[in-house]
Protein backbone atom coordinates (compact mmCIF):
# COMPACT_ATOMS: atom_id res chain seq x y z
CA UNK A 1 -48.05 17.85 49.66
CA UNK A 2 -47.33 18.30 45.87
CA UNK A 3 -46.10 21.81 46.60
CA UNK A 4 -43.71 20.53 49.29
CA UNK A 5 -42.31 17.94 46.96
CA UNK A 6 -41.69 20.57 44.28
CA UNK A 7 -39.90 22.83 46.79
CA UNK A 8 -37.84 19.86 48.02
CA UNK A 9 -36.78 18.98 44.37
CA UNK A 10 -35.77 22.44 43.46
CA UNK A 11 -33.86 22.90 46.63
CA UNK A 12 -31.83 19.76 45.74
CA UNK A 13 -31.40 20.77 42.01
CA UNK A 14 -28.10 22.62 42.55
CA UNK A 15 -26.70 19.43 44.27
CA UNK A 16 -27.87 17.32 41.32
CA UNK A 17 -26.10 19.79 38.88
CA UNK A 18 -22.87 19.54 40.82
CA UNK A 19 -23.09 15.77 40.81
CA UNK A 20 -24.02 15.61 37.10
CA UNK A 21 -21.30 18.09 36.06
CA UNK A 22 -18.77 17.32 38.65
CA UNK A 23 -15.90 17.49 36.11
CA UNK A 24 -17.11 20.85 34.88
CA UNK A 25 -15.32 23.87 36.29
CA UNK A 26 -14.97 27.61 36.24
CA UNK A 27 -14.92 29.81 33.17
CA UNK A 28 -11.14 29.67 33.15
CA UNK A 29 -11.07 25.99 33.00
CA UNK A 30 -11.13 24.44 29.43
CA UNK A 31 -12.20 20.94 30.77
CA UNK A 32 -16.06 21.66 30.53
CA UNK A 33 -17.23 18.18 29.73
CA UNK A 34 -19.16 15.82 31.85
CA UNK A 35 -19.52 12.04 32.25
CA UNK A 36 -22.57 12.09 30.08
CA UNK A 37 -21.18 14.19 27.23
CA UNK A 38 -21.50 12.49 23.81
CA UNK A 39 -19.53 14.87 21.53
CA UNK A 40 -17.10 13.53 18.97
CA UNK A 41 -14.08 15.23 17.60
CA UNK A 42 -11.97 15.34 14.37
CA UNK A 43 -8.57 15.73 15.92
CA UNK A 44 -6.71 14.40 19.03
CA UNK A 45 -4.89 16.36 21.65
CA UNK A 46 -1.46 14.94 22.43
CA UNK A 47 -0.58 14.96 26.05
CA UNK A 48 2.77 15.91 27.65
CA UNK A 49 4.11 12.35 27.51
CA UNK A 50 3.24 12.11 23.77
CA UNK A 51 4.70 15.54 23.10
CA UNK A 52 8.03 14.39 24.57
CA UNK A 53 7.89 11.35 22.34
CA UNK A 54 7.39 13.48 19.29
CA UNK A 55 10.31 15.77 20.14
CA UNK A 56 12.67 12.86 21.15
CA UNK A 57 15.56 12.20 18.81
CA UNK A 58 17.70 9.20 19.64
CA UNK A 59 18.49 5.62 19.24
CA UNK A 60 15.32 4.40 20.80
CA UNK A 61 13.18 5.96 18.10
CA UNK A 62 13.12 3.78 14.99
CA UNK A 63 13.64 5.67 11.65
CA UNK A 64 10.78 5.10 9.22
CA UNK A 65 10.68 4.11 5.56
CA UNK A 66 7.49 4.78 3.45
CA UNK A 67 6.76 2.66 0.37
CA UNK A 68 4.24 3.96 -2.10
CA UNK A 69 1.75 1.90 -4.08
CA UNK A 70 0.78 1.27 -7.72
CA UNK A 71 1.04 4.43 -9.98
CA UNK A 72 2.73 6.14 -6.94
CA UNK A 73 6.02 7.45 -8.44
CA UNK A 74 6.85 9.90 -11.22
CA UNK A 75 8.41 8.62 -14.38
CA UNK A 76 10.49 10.66 -16.82
CA UNK A 77 12.14 9.66 -20.10
CA UNK A 78 15.84 8.92 -20.04
CA UNK A 79 16.00 9.96 -23.56
CA UNK A 80 14.54 13.48 -23.53
CA UNK A 81 13.66 14.11 -19.78
CA UNK A 82 9.98 14.58 -20.58
CA UNK A 83 7.18 13.54 -18.24
CA UNK A 84 5.90 9.97 -18.68
CA UNK A 85 3.72 9.78 -15.52
CA UNK A 86 2.92 12.31 -12.80
CA UNK A 87 1.98 15.44 -14.59
CA UNK A 88 -1.39 15.51 -16.46
CA UNK A 89 -3.40 17.93 -18.44
CA UNK A 90 -7.09 18.25 -19.33
CA UNK A 91 -6.14 18.88 -22.95
CA UNK A 92 -4.22 15.56 -23.15
CA UNK A 93 -7.22 13.73 -21.61
CA UNK A 94 -9.50 15.05 -24.26
CA UNK A 95 -7.10 14.45 -27.12
CA UNK A 96 -5.83 11.12 -25.79
CA UNK A 97 -2.24 10.00 -25.44
CA UNK A 98 0.03 10.22 -28.39
CA UNK A 99 1.82 7.21 -29.75
CA UNK A 100 5.07 8.41 -28.13
CA UNK A 101 3.36 8.75 -24.76
CA UNK A 102 1.75 5.16 -24.95
CA UNK A 103 5.14 3.76 -25.94
CA UNK A 104 6.96 5.53 -23.04
CA UNK A 105 4.33 4.39 -20.54
CA UNK A 106 4.49 0.74 -21.68
CA UNK A 107 7.04 -1.43 -19.99
CA UNK A 108 9.42 -3.06 -22.56
CA UNK A 109 8.75 -6.53 -23.86
CA UNK A 110 11.58 -8.65 -25.06
CA UNK A 111 11.05 -12.18 -26.39
CA UNK A 112 12.77 -14.82 -24.38
CA UNK A 113 14.35 -12.43 -21.93
CA UNK A 114 13.53 -12.97 -18.24
CA UNK A 115 11.48 -10.14 -16.61
CA UNK A 116 14.15 -9.29 -14.10
CA UNK A 117 16.65 -8.59 -16.92
CA UNK A 118 14.47 -6.16 -18.88
CA UNK A 119 15.51 -2.49 -18.50
CA UNK A 120 13.37 0.47 -19.39
CA UNK A 121 14.05 3.92 -20.83
CA UNK A 122 12.23 5.72 -18.08
CA UNK A 123 13.71 7.17 -14.86
CA UNK A 124 11.89 7.05 -11.52
CA UNK A 125 12.22 10.66 -10.62
CA UNK A 126 10.46 10.64 -7.23
CA UNK A 127 7.41 9.77 -5.21
CA UNK A 128 4.07 11.14 -6.40
CA UNK A 129 3.47 13.47 -3.38
CA UNK A 130 1.03 15.57 -5.40
CA UNK A 131 -0.62 15.11 -8.67
CA UNK A 132 0.10 18.09 -10.97
CA UNK A 133 -2.83 19.05 -13.31
CA UNK A 134 -3.22 21.56 -16.09
CA UNK A 135 -6.64 22.42 -17.50
CA UNK A 136 -6.98 25.21 -20.06
CA UNK A 137 -3.72 26.79 -18.87
CA UNK A 138 -4.71 26.66 -15.20
CA UNK A 139 -2.33 24.73 -13.07
CA UNK A 140 -3.18 23.06 -9.75
CA UNK A 141 -2.28 20.08 -7.58
CA UNK A 142 -4.25 17.42 -5.78
CA UNK A 143 -2.84 15.33 -2.90
CA UNK A 144 -1.33 11.94 -3.50
CA UNK A 145 1.19 10.98 -0.72
CA UNK A 146 1.92 14.39 0.76
CA UNK A 147 -0.72 13.91 3.48
CA UNK A 148 0.96 10.78 4.92
CA UNK A 149 4.39 12.45 4.84
CA UNK A 150 2.84 15.33 6.72
CA UNK A 151 1.69 12.81 9.44
CA UNK A 152 5.15 11.49 9.84
CA UNK A 153 6.40 15.08 10.21
CA UNK A 154 3.83 15.88 12.85
CA UNK A 155 5.02 12.80 14.72
CA UNK A 156 8.56 14.12 14.83
CA UNK A 157 10.16 12.48 11.86
CA UNK A 158 12.29 14.42 9.34
CA UNK A 159 12.03 13.59 5.68
CA UNK A 160 15.36 13.07 3.91
CA UNK A 161 16.16 15.88 1.57
CA UNK A 162 14.17 18.51 3.49
CA UNK A 163 15.90 21.17 5.61
CA UNK A 164 16.63 19.89 9.05
CA UNK A 165 14.30 21.52 11.60
CA UNK A 166 15.84 23.56 14.48
CA UNK A 167 17.19 21.11 17.10
CA UNK A 168 17.18 18.06 14.77
CA UNK A 169 20.49 16.58 13.83
CA UNK A 170 19.69 13.93 11.22
CA UNK A 171 16.96 12.57 9.00
CA UNK A 172 14.63 9.83 10.28
CA UNK A 173 12.14 9.44 7.44
CA UNK A 174 12.93 7.88 4.11
CA UNK A 175 10.68 7.47 1.02
CA UNK A 176 11.42 4.44 -1.19
CA UNK A 177 10.24 5.22 -4.78
CA UNK A 178 10.35 2.61 -7.51
CA UNK A 179 9.05 1.71 -10.95
CA UNK A 180 5.52 0.55 -10.22
CA UNK A 181 5.31 -1.26 -13.48
CA UNK A 182 8.20 -3.63 -12.85
CA UNK A 183 8.17 -6.98 -11.07
CA UNK A 184 7.73 -6.52 -7.30
CA UNK A 185 10.47 -9.04 -6.62
CA UNK A 186 13.01 -6.93 -8.63
CA UNK A 187 11.88 -3.88 -6.70
CA UNK A 188 12.21 -5.84 -3.38
CA UNK A 189 15.89 -6.47 -4.26
CA UNK A 190 16.38 -2.76 -4.82
CA UNK A 191 14.64 -2.08 -1.65
CA UNK A 192 17.17 -4.25 0.21
CA UNK A 193 19.98 -2.08 -1.13
CA UNK A 194 18.00 1.03 -0.05
CA UNK A 195 17.61 -0.35 3.45
CA UNK A 196 21.29 -1.11 3.83
CA UNK A 197 22.16 2.34 2.51
CA UNK A 198 19.82 4.05 4.99
CA UNK A 199 21.06 1.80 7.77
CA UNK A 200 24.65 2.85 7.17
CA UNK A 201 23.53 6.49 7.17
CA UNK A 202 21.76 6.06 10.56
CA UNK A 203 24.84 4.23 12.05
CA UNK A 204 27.05 7.12 10.91
CA UNK A 205 24.68 9.64 12.55
CA UNK A 206 24.53 7.67 15.90
CA UNK A 207 28.31 7.46 15.88
CA UNK A 208 28.65 11.18 15.26
CA UNK A 209 25.91 12.44 17.57
CA UNK A 210 25.95 9.75 20.37
CA UNK A 211 29.39 8.22 20.06
CA UNK A 212 27.81 4.73 19.47
CA UNK A 213 29.60 2.31 17.04
CA UNK A 214 27.70 -0.08 14.69
CA UNK A 215 24.26 0.40 16.38
CA UNK A 216 21.84 -2.34 15.31
CA UNK A 217 19.48 0.04 13.49
CA UNK A 218 15.88 -1.16 13.10
CA UNK A 219 13.39 0.49 10.73
CA UNK A 220 9.63 0.82 10.89
CA UNK A 221 8.00 0.28 7.45
CA UNK A 222 4.74 1.94 6.35
CA UNK A 223 3.51 0.79 2.96
CA UNK A 224 0.31 1.73 0.93
CA UNK A 225 -1.44 -0.50 -1.45
CA UNK A 226 0.99 -2.47 -3.70
CA UNK A 227 3.78 -1.19 -1.51
CA UNK A 228 2.52 -3.59 1.23
CA UNK A 229 3.10 -6.58 -1.10
CA UNK A 230 6.68 -5.32 -1.68
CA UNK A 231 7.17 -5.05 2.09
CA UNK A 232 5.80 -8.46 2.83
CA UNK A 233 7.89 -10.14 0.16
CA UNK A 234 10.98 -8.40 1.49
CA UNK A 235 10.34 -9.38 5.09
CA UNK A 236 9.94 -12.99 4.16
CA UNK A 237 12.53 -13.48 1.40
CA UNK A 238 14.74 -10.40 1.48
CA UNK A 239 16.44 -9.78 -1.95
CA UNK A 240 16.01 -13.37 -3.20
CA UNK A 241 14.85 -13.83 -6.80
CA UNK A 242 12.05 -16.21 -7.53
CA UNK A 243 13.72 -19.57 -8.53
CA UNK A 244 13.57 -20.18 -12.28
CA UNK A 245 12.33 -23.79 -11.77
CA UNK A 246 9.09 -22.52 -10.23
CA UNK A 247 9.95 -23.46 -6.65
CA UNK A 248 9.65 -21.25 -3.66
CA UNK A 249 12.44 -19.02 -2.41
CA UNK A 250 13.88 -19.78 1.08
CA UNK A 251 11.38 -18.55 3.59
CA UNK A 252 13.48 -17.54 6.59
CA UNK A 253 12.28 -13.94 7.29
CA UNK A 254 15.71 -12.67 6.38
CA UNK A 255 14.38 -9.21 5.42
CA UNK A 256 13.00 -8.76 9.00
CA UNK A 257 16.55 -8.54 10.47
CA UNK A 258 16.41 -4.77 10.06
CA UNK A 259 12.72 -4.26 10.53
CA UNK A 260 10.60 -3.87 13.71
CA UNK A 261 7.11 -2.69 12.76
CA UNK A 262 5.26 -3.05 9.49
CA UNK A 263 2.24 -0.81 8.86
CA UNK A 264 0.26 -1.97 5.85
CA UNK A 265 -2.35 0.44 4.41
CA UNK A 266 -5.01 -0.70 1.99
CA UNK A 267 -2.93 -3.57 0.49
CA UNK A 268 -4.58 -6.14 -1.86
CA UNK A 269 -2.99 -9.05 0.02
CA UNK A 270 -5.39 -11.53 -1.76
CA UNK A 271 -5.53 -9.49 -5.02
CA UNK A 272 -8.31 -7.33 -6.46
CA UNK A 273 -10.62 -7.78 -9.33
CA UNK A 274 -9.97 -4.50 -11.14
CA UNK A 275 -6.56 -5.82 -12.32
CA UNK A 276 -8.23 -8.37 -14.59
CA UNK A 277 -10.90 -6.06 -15.73
CA UNK A 278 -8.40 -3.34 -16.62
CA UNK A 279 -5.92 -5.61 -18.43
CA UNK A 280 -8.85 -6.91 -20.45
CA UNK A 281 -10.87 -3.65 -21.07
CA UNK A 282 -8.22 -0.99 -20.49
CA UNK A 283 -6.99 1.01 -17.52
CA UNK A 284 -8.90 4.15 -16.46
CA UNK A 285 -7.19 5.92 -13.49
CA UNK A 286 -10.20 8.19 -12.86
CA UNK A 287 -13.59 8.76 -14.36
CA UNK A 288 -12.40 11.84 -16.16
CA UNK A 289 -9.18 10.30 -17.43
CA UNK A 290 -8.58 8.66 -20.79
CA UNK A 291 -8.52 4.84 -21.03
CA UNK A 292 -5.11 3.27 -21.46
CA UNK A 293 -5.42 0.34 -23.96
CA UNK A 294 -5.28 -3.18 -22.54
CA UNK A 295 -1.99 -3.81 -24.38
CA UNK A 296 -0.37 -0.97 -22.42
CA UNK A 297 -1.70 -2.17 -19.00
CA UNK A 298 -0.72 -5.68 -19.95
CA UNK A 299 2.95 -4.80 -20.12
CA UNK A 300 2.99 -4.11 -16.29
CA UNK A 301 4.32 -7.12 -14.56
CA UNK A 302 2.99 -5.87 -11.24
CA UNK A 303 -0.63 -5.89 -12.42
CA UNK A 304 -0.56 -9.62 -12.74
CA UNK A 305 0.99 -9.94 -9.31
CA UNK A 306 -2.13 -8.21 -7.85
CA UNK A 307 -4.78 -10.44 -9.53
CA UNK A 308 -7.22 -12.06 -7.15
CA UNK A 309 -6.09 -15.41 -5.76
CA UNK A 310 -7.86 -18.37 -7.12
CA UNK A 311 -9.30 -19.54 -3.78
CA UNK A 312 -11.26 -16.29 -3.46
CA UNK A 313 -13.33 -17.41 -6.46
CA UNK A 314 -13.42 -13.94 -7.83
CA UNK A 315 -13.67 -14.88 -11.57
CA UNK A 316 -16.12 -17.67 -12.41
CA UNK A 317 -17.63 -19.08 -15.61
CA UNK A 318 -21.11 -17.88 -16.29
CA UNK A 319 -22.33 -21.42 -17.30
CA UNK A 320 -20.85 -22.99 -14.17
CA UNK A 321 -20.78 -20.46 -11.30
CA UNK A 322 -20.41 -23.24 -8.66
CA UNK A 323 -17.67 -25.06 -10.55
CA UNK A 324 -13.87 -24.38 -10.49
CA UNK A 325 -12.94 -20.68 -10.75
CA UNK A 326 -11.38 -19.44 -14.02
CA UNK A 327 -7.63 -20.06 -13.78
CA UNK A 328 -6.61 -16.43 -14.53
CA UNK A 329 -2.95 -17.28 -14.01
CA UNK A 330 -3.01 -19.74 -17.04
CA UNK A 331 -1.82 -18.14 -20.27
CA UNK A 332 -4.01 -20.55 -22.35
CA UNK A 333 -7.09 -19.05 -20.78
CA UNK A 334 -6.07 -15.52 -21.89
CA UNK A 335 -5.25 -16.70 -25.31
CA UNK A 336 -8.54 -18.60 -25.66
CA UNK A 337 -10.59 -15.72 -24.25
CA UNK A 338 -8.62 -13.12 -26.32
CA UNK A 339 -7.77 -11.13 -23.30
CA UNK A 340 -5.30 -8.24 -22.90
CA UNK A 341 -2.02 -8.82 -24.70
CA UNK A 342 -3.62 -11.93 -26.29
CA UNK A 343 -6.41 -9.92 -27.99
CA UNK A 344 -5.66 -9.79 -31.76
CA UNK A 345 -7.52 -6.45 -31.79
CA UNK A 346 -4.66 -4.89 -29.83
CA UNK A 347 -2.25 -5.27 -32.68
CA UNK A 348 -2.72 -1.52 -33.54
CA UNK A 349 -1.39 -0.81 -30.02
CA UNK A 350 1.40 -3.28 -30.32
CA UNK A 351 2.56 -1.57 -33.39
CA UNK A 352 3.07 1.54 -31.28
CA UNK A 353 4.67 -0.30 -28.43
CA UNK A 354 7.00 -2.36 -30.74
CA UNK A 355 7.66 0.17 -33.67
CA UNK A 356 10.69 -1.87 -34.82
CA UNK A 357 8.78 -5.10 -35.23
CA UNK A 358 7.20 -5.10 -38.73
CA UNK A 359 5.46 -8.49 -38.66
CA UNK A 360 2.11 -8.94 -36.92
CA UNK A 361 3.04 -12.60 -36.27
CA UNK A 362 6.18 -11.52 -34.55
CA UNK A 363 4.45 -8.83 -32.56
CA UNK A 364 1.94 -11.39 -31.26
CA UNK A 365 4.69 -13.85 -30.36
CA UNK A 366 6.44 -11.17 -28.26
CA UNK A 367 3.10 -10.18 -26.61
CA UNK A 368 2.20 -13.78 -25.78
CA UNK A 369 5.70 -14.42 -24.49
CA UNK A 370 5.49 -11.42 -22.18
CA UNK A 371 1.98 -12.36 -21.02
CA UNK A 372 3.14 -15.87 -20.22
CA UNK A 373 6.15 -14.77 -18.28
CA UNK A 374 4.02 -12.23 -16.29
CA UNK A 375 1.44 -14.87 -15.49
CA UNK A 376 3.96 -17.49 -14.39
CA UNK A 377 5.81 -15.01 -12.32
CA UNK A 378 2.66 -13.80 -10.69
CA UNK A 379 1.46 -17.22 -9.71
CA UNK A 380 4.89 -17.98 -8.15
CA UNK A 381 4.89 -14.60 -6.32
CA UNK A 382 1.38 -14.97 -4.91
CA UNK A 383 2.07 -18.54 -3.88
CA UNK A 384 5.15 -17.40 -1.95
CA UNK A 385 3.11 -14.77 -0.13
CA UNK A 386 0.52 -17.27 0.70
CA UNK A 387 2.82 -19.52 2.71
CA UNK A 388 2.72 -19.38 6.53
CA UNK A 389 5.64 -19.37 8.96
CA UNK A 390 5.65 -17.86 12.38
CA UNK A 391 7.61 -14.53 12.18
CA UNK A 392 10.28 -13.50 14.65
CA UNK A 393 8.89 -12.10 17.91
CA UNK A 394 10.35 -8.69 17.21
CA UNK A 395 8.25 -8.07 14.12
CA UNK A 396 4.79 -6.56 14.40
CA UNK A 397 2.14 -6.27 11.72
CA UNK A 398 -0.50 -3.49 11.67
CA UNK A 399 -3.23 -3.16 9.10
CA UNK A 400 -5.42 -0.26 8.12
CA UNK A 401 -8.15 -0.88 5.51
CA UNK A 402 -11.28 0.69 4.15
CA UNK A 403 -14.78 -0.80 4.77
CA UNK A 404 -17.24 1.92 3.67
CA UNK A 405 -17.68 1.36 -0.09
CA UNK A 406 -19.22 -1.30 -2.28
CA UNK A 407 -16.21 -2.92 -4.04
CA UNK A 408 -16.07 -5.09 -7.09
CA UNK A 409 -15.73 -8.70 -5.76
CA UNK A 410 -16.82 -11.22 -8.43
CA UNK A 411 -17.08 -11.42 -12.32
CA UNK A 412 -18.65 -13.95 -14.63
CA UNK A 413 -16.98 -14.98 -17.93
CA UNK A 414 -18.67 -16.17 -21.03
CA UNK A 415 -16.37 -19.02 -22.03
CA UNK A 416 -17.59 -18.78 -25.69
CA UNK A 417 -16.91 -15.08 -26.20
CA UNK A 418 -14.54 -14.22 -23.40
CA UNK A 419 -16.88 -11.39 -22.19
CA UNK A 420 -16.39 -10.65 -18.52
CA UNK A 421 -18.87 -8.79 -16.40
CA UNK A 422 -18.98 -7.68 -12.73
CA UNK A 423 -21.75 -9.63 -10.94
CA UNK A 424 -20.88 -9.19 -7.20
CA UNK A 425 -19.75 -6.68 -4.74
CA UNK A 426 -18.47 -6.67 -1.12
CA UNK A 427 -17.33 -4.12 1.41
CA UNK A 428 -14.03 -2.47 0.89
CA UNK A 429 -12.39 0.79 -0.12
CA UNK A 430 -13.68 0.95 -3.64
CA UNK A 431 -10.69 -1.01 -4.96
CA UNK A 432 -9.56 -3.53 -2.38
CA UNK A 433 -12.15 -5.65 -0.45
CA UNK A 434 -11.86 -6.16 3.29
CA UNK A 435 -11.32 -9.86 2.72
CA UNK A 436 -8.38 -9.15 0.54
CA UNK A 437 -6.77 -6.58 2.86
CA UNK A 438 -6.98 -9.03 5.73
CA UNK A 439 -6.01 -11.90 3.44
CA UNK A 440 -8.89 -13.76 5.08
CA UNK A 441 -8.38 -17.42 4.07
CA UNK A 442 -12.17 -18.06 4.55
CA UNK A 443 -12.92 -16.07 1.40
CA UNK A 444 -14.47 -18.32 -1.19
CA UNK A 445 -14.14 -21.33 1.15
CA UNK A 446 -15.94 -22.80 4.09
CA UNK A 447 -16.76 -20.21 6.70
CA UNK A 448 -15.33 -20.67 10.16
CA UNK A 449 -16.28 -18.70 13.33
CA UNK A 450 -12.67 -17.39 13.80
CA UNK A 451 -10.35 -15.46 11.65
CA UNK A 452 -7.73 -17.33 9.58
CA UNK A 453 -4.87 -15.68 7.68
CA UNK A 454 -1.24 -16.40 6.80
CA UNK A 455 -0.41 -12.85 7.92
CA UNK A 456 0.03 -12.69 11.74
CA UNK A 457 -1.64 -9.32 12.29
CA UNK A 458 -0.85 -7.58 15.60
CA UNK A 459 -3.88 -5.30 15.08
CA UNK A 460 -6.35 -4.38 12.27
CA UNK A 461 -8.04 -1.04 11.98
CA UNK A 462 -11.06 -0.47 9.66
CA UNK A 463 -11.56 3.03 8.35
CA UNK A 464 -14.63 4.40 6.62
CA UNK A 465 -12.91 5.83 3.55
CA UNK A 466 -11.90 5.14 -0.06
CA UNK A 467 -8.56 3.68 -1.24
CA UNK A 468 -6.50 6.87 -1.50
CA UNK A 469 -8.47 8.44 1.43
CA UNK A 470 -7.14 6.03 3.94
CA UNK A 471 -4.29 8.42 4.89
CA UNK A 472 -6.69 11.43 4.95
CA UNK A 473 -8.77 10.33 7.90
CA UNK A 474 -7.85 12.04 11.13
CA UNK A 475 -8.07 8.87 13.10
CA UNK A 476 -5.49 7.35 10.94
CA UNK A 477 -3.15 10.26 11.79
CA UNK A 478 -3.73 9.56 15.49
CA UNK A 479 -3.39 5.74 15.30
CA UNK A 480 -0.24 5.84 13.08
CA UNK A 481 1.46 8.29 15.54
CA UNK A 482 0.81 6.11 18.45
CA UNK A 483 2.04 2.95 16.70
CA UNK A 484 5.29 4.58 15.73
CA UNK A 485 5.96 6.33 18.91
CA UNK A 486 4.70 3.95 21.65
CA UNK A 487 5.80 0.40 20.48
CA UNK A 488 9.53 0.86 20.43
CA UNK A 489 10.53 -0.63 23.78
CA UNK A 490 8.25 -3.53 23.84
CA UNK A 491 9.94 -5.91 21.51
CA UNK A 492 13.60 -5.42 21.52
CA UNK A 493 16.48 -7.14 23.34
CA UNK A 494 19.05 -4.42 23.91
CA UNK A 495 20.33 -4.55 27.46
CA UNK A 496 19.80 -0.85 28.08
CA UNK A 497 16.21 -1.09 27.06
CA UNK A 498 15.66 -4.15 29.17
CA UNK A 499 17.14 -2.23 32.11
CA UNK A 500 14.66 0.60 31.51
CA UNK A 501 11.75 -1.76 31.52
CA UNK A 502 13.09 -3.34 34.67
CA UNK A 503 12.87 0.01 36.35
CA UNK A 504 9.07 -0.06 35.79
CA UNK A 505 8.82 -3.71 37.06
CA UNK A 506 8.53 -5.16 33.51
CA UNK A 507 10.61 -8.19 32.60
C-alpha cells in the first residue's frame, strides 16, 4: 500500500510543479518567479506607462525646484574670489582654519541693525552637488546633492544650465541655492523672486513650443533638511517679512499659488538638539573635520531657527528634569549660562570676527545684540511654522525621513555651571528625530493614540538611512519618481484636464 502511495505521489509531482510555478515559463521568458518567491531587489523596473511619463514634455508635467539644506551651497569671497565653503583639504583640517577663513565664514554682526538688512562679503556660487577634497595633493569628490539631481534626470527632468538632451525643448528642473547662514525668511523672499523668474521662463517656453499664452505654471518643490523649513514658510507666508512687533505674518497660503506638490526630505520641522550643542561647544561637520568655534556658528541666524521647539522638552535642567524646559529662546538664559556668543571665553574669536572693534566691552555688546536678534527672530519664525490652517486642496505634502539611527533627543543643563550634556536618544537619521521630521505634536506632551501635527501630510515614508543618505536609497529614487510623475492630474482645475479625467469616468 505504501508503495502505491509513493507511485501516486510521484506521478502527480509534475502537476504540482506546474501549479506551484504556474507563472514560470520557458528559457526565453524572463518572468521566472512564482507566487511563493521571496526575493527582494535594489532597483525598480519602470513599465511602458511610466516610460511614457518619463519621456513626456508638456504643460501637464510640473517643472521642479530643488532647495538644498544647511551647509548646502558654495560660498566664495566677493573680495578675492577665494573659497569660503565647499572645497576642503586635509592639510587645512590638521592646521585649523586661519583667522581670515574664520572671519569669512562668519556672518556679519552689526549692532542695532535688523538681521534682514545685514549684507555679507560672500557670494553664493552654486549648490554643493559634490564636496571637493584635497589630501596630501590627492584630489577627490564625495557626493552631496548630485545624487538627487540624477534622480530628477532619470525621471525625465532637465536641469537648468545643462545641455538640452535630444528631443527636449526646454529646462524643467531648477536648483535654488542660497546663503545657508542667513535668516530663512530673507531667503524665502529671494525664493519668491526665483519662482516668479522661473515661472516667466516656463510661460515663455509654453508660448514658443505649444502656442499657449500666460499658462498657469505650477511647480513641484523638493527640499532637503533646512530647505524644507524655507519651503514651508514660503507656502504659508510667501515673501512676507516677520513683523517687527513680534506678531505673526498673514497666514493665507499665498506662496502656494504657484505650487502643487511639496516633497520634504529629512527636515527638522520641530528642530534638532545638535543646533544648541554646536553653538555652545562648536560646530564639527564630520568626525575628521576641525571644530568651528561657538562664536562662528553663533553668527548663523539659521541655526537658531532650527533649535528644538520648547514643547518637545529637549533641553531640561538637571536638578528639575520634570519641571519646565530650559527656555533656549531667551537671551538671558544664554547670557547666564555663558553659551555661544555670550561666552566671555569667545572674545579671542570675536577679535577675529570683528577686527575693527578694539574694545572687549564693545565686542561683547555686538555679540549679545546679534544673539538677542537671532533668538527673537527664531522664536517668531518657529511660532509661525507651528500655526495650523487648512491648506488649499491643490497642495500636497509628502515627507521622507530616516528612522534607523539613535539620534540625540534630550540634554540636561547644570544651571550653576551652564554645562550641557546629552542624556537621551530617539530614533531618527542621526541628526533629525522622527518626531521632529513629522512635527508630531505629541512629542514631550500627553500621548494620544492618533497622529497630531500642524503639517497636513499627504503621505509619510520612513527610510532606513542617515541624514545625507536619504537621497541615496534606491526606494527613495522609485518613490520620488512616482510622486512627481503620477500626481499631476489629480488636483488641478484646468478644463482640459477635467475633460481627460471625464473620459476615464472620473469627476
